[in-house]
Amino acid sequence: MLYRFRNFAFTTQGVADVRLFVLSALTLATTTLTVLAPTAASAQEGGHRIAVVDVAYIFKNNEGIKAQVKEVEDSLKSFDEELQGKRNELKSAAEKLKTFQPGSSDYISQEERVASMESKLRLEMARKRKELADREAKIYFDNYQIIAAGVKALAQYHKVNLVLRYNSEEMDLEQGESVIRGVMKNIVYHDEAIDMTNGTMDYLNRALKVATTPAANRQ
């Protein structure tokens, strides 16, 4: 049962209103979908309809998601630079400790200072790593919700009963992991007409644009 998903055209004239929650609650008007004529219209009467979507491709190539991930990476880079200064301070304090006589009051005082600095640094690193990991997880969580909503909207519009996740990555003989992933693919073959990846990508792009555009500027 083939039906084409390859050329979805989003316009401002809606088919349905789909409520999305990204960063804050927002309403996204889903739009009219323009598709190519079915390749086997007679065969689609009755029965079940199946489509596929490459979620990994969307996460890897969507510009909005990449921009969000880059913000986290930039924060990590900035934190690393900040940490380097504190590491240097700790190193200097440890070097100073060597100048004191072990057991002396100065030695004990400096030893406690070094231990305190090291403990605070470790705690700060752990907290920051968790913060950044949580931010990254939220990026994938929030965007997956939009992707799932997009898949659902497209599937319902086209009366698709089942949407399967697949991986379009080509095997690279020079990379063992790539070969293993290719061999383990759940879907060996599908007609491109049932691939809704591009339509879902367009849906995500529009959702992210609405989420980052001030209400007064939305049209």
Protein backbone atom coordinates (compact mmCIF):
# COMPACT_ATOMS: atom_id res chain seq x y z
CA MET A 1 0.00 0.00 0.00
CA LEU A 2 1.98 2.92 -1.25
CA TYR A 3 1.27 6.59 -0.66
CA ARG A 4 3.79 9.35 -1.08
CA PHE A 5 5.11 11.39 1.84
CA ARG A 6 8.17 12.85 0.15
CA ASN A 7 6.96 16.36 -0.69
CA PHE A 8 5.05 17.86 2.20
CA ALA A 9 4.46 21.59 1.74
CA PHE A 10 3.61 23.51 4.91
CA THR A 11 1.55 26.67 4.39
CA THR A 12 -0.20 28.99 6.81
CA GLN A 13 -3.61 27.55 5.97
CA GLY A 14 -4.22 24.86 8.53
CA VAL A 15 -5.61 21.37 8.45
CA ALA A 16 -5.72 21.10 12.24
CA ASP A 17 -4.40 22.79 15.35
CA VAL A 18 -1.86 20.65 17.18
CA ARG A 19 -0.86 21.68 20.67
CA LEU A 20 2.87 21.48 21.30
CA PHE A 21 4.81 22.11 24.47
CA VAL A 22 8.39 23.24 23.85
CA LEU A 23 10.01 25.31 26.60
CA SER A 24 6.52 26.71 27.26
CA ALA A 25 3.04 25.83 26.08
CA LEU A 26 2.37 26.98 22.54
CA THR A 27 -0.20 26.30 19.86
CA LEU A 28 1.04 25.29 16.45
CA ALA A 29 -1.40 25.33 13.58
CA THR A 30 -0.63 22.32 11.43
CA THR A 31 -0.98 23.12 7.82
CA THR A 32 -2.28 21.88 4.56
CA LEU A 33 -0.25 18.97 3.23
CA THR A 34 0.46 18.69 -0.47
CA VAL A 35 1.39 15.17 -1.55
CA LEU A 36 1.97 13.37 -4.77
CA ALA A 37 -0.76 11.12 -6.10
CA PRO A 38 -0.81 7.59 -4.62
CA THR A 39 1.00 5.04 -6.72
CA ALA A 40 -1.56 2.33 -6.07
CA ALA A 41 -4.82 3.99 -5.14
CA SER A 42 -6.91 0.91 -5.75
CA ALA A 43 -4.69 -1.17 -3.48
CA GLN A 44 -5.15 1.27 -0.61
CA GLU A 45 -8.85 0.66 -0.21
CA GLY A 46 -9.16 -1.12 3.13
CA GLY A 47 -6.37 -2.90 4.99
CA HIS A 48 -3.62 -1.24 7.00
CA ARG A 49 -1.27 1.53 5.96
CA ILE A 50 2.36 1.62 7.07
CA ALA A 51 4.96 4.39 6.90
CA VAL A 52 8.54 4.82 8.11
CA VAL A 53 10.52 7.67 9.67
CA ASP A 54 14.24 8.09 10.34
CA VAL A 55 14.29 9.74 13.77
CA ALA A 56 18.08 9.52 14.09
CA TYR A 57 18.51 11.41 10.82
CA ILE A 58 16.23 14.19 12.06
CA PHE A 59 18.14 14.57 15.33
CA LYS A 60 21.46 14.56 13.52
CA ASN A 61 20.57 17.01 10.76
CA ASN A 62 17.94 19.40 12.13
CA GLU A 63 19.48 22.87 12.38
CA GLY A 64 17.33 23.87 15.34
CA ILE A 65 18.41 20.87 17.39
CA LYS A 66 22.05 21.36 16.41
CA ALA A 67 21.87 24.98 17.57
CA GLN A 68 20.45 23.91 20.94
CA VAL A 69 23.15 21.27 21.40
CA LYS A 70 25.82 23.80 20.45
CA GLU A 71 24.65 26.07 23.27
CA VAL A 72 25.31 23.25 25.73
CA GLU A 73 28.69 22.52 24.15
CA ASP A 74 29.62 26.21 24.35
CA SER A 75 28.64 26.26 28.02
CA LEU A 76 30.86 23.24 28.61
CA LYS A 77 33.76 24.88 26.81
CA SER A 78 33.34 28.06 28.86
CA PHE A 79 33.20 26.05 32.07
CA ASP A 80 36.35 24.13 31.12
CA GLU A 81 38.18 27.41 30.66
CA GLU A 82 36.96 28.57 34.05
CA LEU A 83 38.04 25.28 35.60
CA GLN A 84 41.53 25.60 34.18
CA GLY A 85 42.06 28.74 36.24
CA LYS A 86 40.88 26.99 39.39
CA ARG A 87 43.09 23.98 38.65
CA ASN A 88 46.05 26.31 38.38
CA GLU A 89 45.15 27.83 41.75
CA LEU A 90 44.94 24.36 43.27
CA LYS A 91 48.28 23.41 41.75
CA SER A 92 49.91 26.53 43.17
CA ALA A 93 48.43 25.82 46.61
CA ALA A 94 49.76 22.25 46.46
CA GLU A 95 53.22 23.51 45.46
CA LYS A 96 53.17 25.96 48.35
CA LEU A 97 52.35 23.11 50.73
CA LYS A 98 55.69 21.51 49.87
CA THR A 99 57.52 24.55 51.21
CA PHE A 100 56.30 23.98 54.76
CA GLN A 101 57.66 21.57 57.32
CA PRO A 102 55.33 18.56 57.61
CA GLY A 103 53.50 18.69 60.92
CA SER A 104 53.97 22.42 61.38
CA SER A 105 50.98 24.71 61.91
CA ASP A 106 51.59 26.34 58.52
CA TYR A 107 51.72 22.94 56.85
CA ILE A 108 48.50 21.78 58.53
CA SER A 109 46.72 25.02 57.64
CA GLN A 110 47.84 24.86 54.02
CA GLU A 111 47.02 21.16 53.80
CA GLU A 112 43.46 21.88 54.93
CA ARG A 113 43.22 24.71 52.41
CA VAL A 114 44.37 22.43 49.58
CA ALA A 115 41.93 19.70 50.63
CA SER A 116 39.08 22.22 50.78
CA MET A 117 39.94 23.66 47.36
CA GLU A 118 40.11 20.20 45.82
CA SER A 119 36.82 19.12 47.40
CA LYS A 120 35.01 22.25 46.22
CA LEU A 121 36.44 21.85 42.72
CA ARG A 122 35.29 18.24 42.47
CA LEU A 123 31.83 19.16 43.74
CA GLU A 124 31.55 22.06 41.31
CA MET A 125 32.61 19.83 38.41
CA ALA A 126 30.06 17.16 39.34
CA ARG A 127 27.25 19.69 39.63
CA LYS A 128 28.09 21.34 36.33
CA ARG A 129 28.33 18.03 34.50
CA LYS A 130 24.92 17.03 35.83
CA GLU A 131 23.46 20.40 34.86
CA LEU A 132 24.78 20.12 31.31
CA ALA A 133 23.73 16.48 31.02
CA ASP A 134 20.22 17.41 32.17
CA ARG A 135 20.08 20.27 29.66
CA GLU A 136 21.13 17.98 26.83
CA ALA A 137 18.62 15.33 27.88
CA LYS A 138 15.86 17.95 27.90
CA ILE A 139 16.80 19.00 24.36
CA TYR A 140 16.30 15.45 23.11
CA PHE A 141 13.20 14.91 25.23
CA ASP A 142 11.46 18.10 24.11
CA ASN A 143 12.31 17.67 20.45
CA TYR A 144 11.27 14.02 20.45
CA GLN A 145 7.85 15.10 21.72
CA ILE A 146 7.54 17.42 18.71
CA ILE A 147 8.76 14.72 16.32
CA ALA A 148 6.24 12.25 17.75
CA ALA A 149 3.46 14.85 17.46
CA GLY A 150 4.45 15.51 13.85
CA VAL A 151 4.45 11.82 12.99
CA LYS A 152 1.04 11.45 14.61
CA ALA A 153 -0.40 14.46 12.76
CA LEU A 154 0.86 13.25 9.39
CA ALA A 155 -0.20 9.67 10.05
CA GLN A 156 -3.71 10.68 11.08
CA TYR A 157 -4.08 12.98 8.08
CA HIS A 158 -3.11 10.17 5.70
CA LYS A 159 -4.93 7.48 7.71
CA VAL A 160 -1.70 5.60 8.38
CA ASN A 161 -2.11 2.85 10.98
CA LEU A 162 1.53 2.18 11.84
CA VAL A 163 4.74 4.21 11.61
CA LEU A 164 8.00 2.32 12.02
CA ARG A 165 11.36 3.80 12.92
CA TYR A 166 14.15 2.97 10.48
CA ASN A 167 17.78 3.91 9.90
CA SER A 168 18.80 5.29 6.50
CA GLU A 169 22.52 5.31 7.33
CA GLU A 170 24.62 3.52 4.72
CA MET A 171 27.10 0.91 5.91
CA ASP A 172 30.75 1.97 5.89
CA LEU A 173 33.05 -1.02 5.41
CA GLU A 174 35.90 0.93 7.03
CA GLN A 175 33.92 1.31 10.26
CA GLY A 176 32.98 -1.87 12.06
CA GLU A 177 30.25 -0.26 14.16
CA SER A 178 28.60 1.09 11.02
CA VAL A 179 28.54 -2.39 9.50
CA ILE A 180 27.05 -3.86 12.67
CA ARG A 181 24.33 -1.20 12.74
CA GLY A 182 23.56 -1.89 9.09
CA VAL A 183 23.31 -5.63 9.60
CA MET A 184 21.04 -5.14 12.62
CA LYS A 185 18.57 -2.84 10.84
CA ASN A 186 14.98 -3.85 11.54
CA ILE A 187 13.81 -2.72 8.10
CA VAL A 188 15.75 -4.18 5.19
CA TYR A 189 13.76 -2.48 2.42
CA HIS A 190 11.00 0.08 2.06
CA ASP A 191 9.58 2.07 -0.81
CA GLU A 192 10.60 5.72 -0.60
CA ALA A 193 6.97 6.68 -1.12
CA ILE A 194 6.14 5.67 2.47
CA ASP A 195 9.01 7.63 4.07
CA MET A 196 7.66 10.55 6.13
CA THR A 197 11.09 11.74 7.37
CA ASN A 198 11.11 14.92 5.28
CA GLY A 199 7.56 15.80 6.26
CA THR A 200 8.38 15.29 9.93
CA MET A 201 11.52 17.42 9.57
CA ASP A 202 9.41 20.24 8.09
CA TYR A 203 6.96 19.93 10.98
CA LEU A 204 9.81 20.17 13.51
CA ASN A 205 11.33 23.17 11.74
CA ARG A 206 8.02 24.99 11.90
CA ALA A 207 7.47 24.08 15.56
CA LEU A 208 10.91 25.35 16.57
CA LYS A 209 10.42 28.52 14.57
CA VAL A 210 7.13 29.21 16.33
CA ALA A 211 8.70 28.45 19.72
CA THR A 212 11.52 30.96 19.21
CA THR A 213 9.52 33.71 17.49
CA PRO A 214 7.85 36.41 19.64
CA ALA A 215 4.06 36.18 19.49
CA ALA A 216 3.79 39.67 17.99
CA ASN A 217 5.94 38.60 15.03
CA ARG A 218 4.11 35.37 14.24
CA GLN A 219 2.01 35.23 11.13
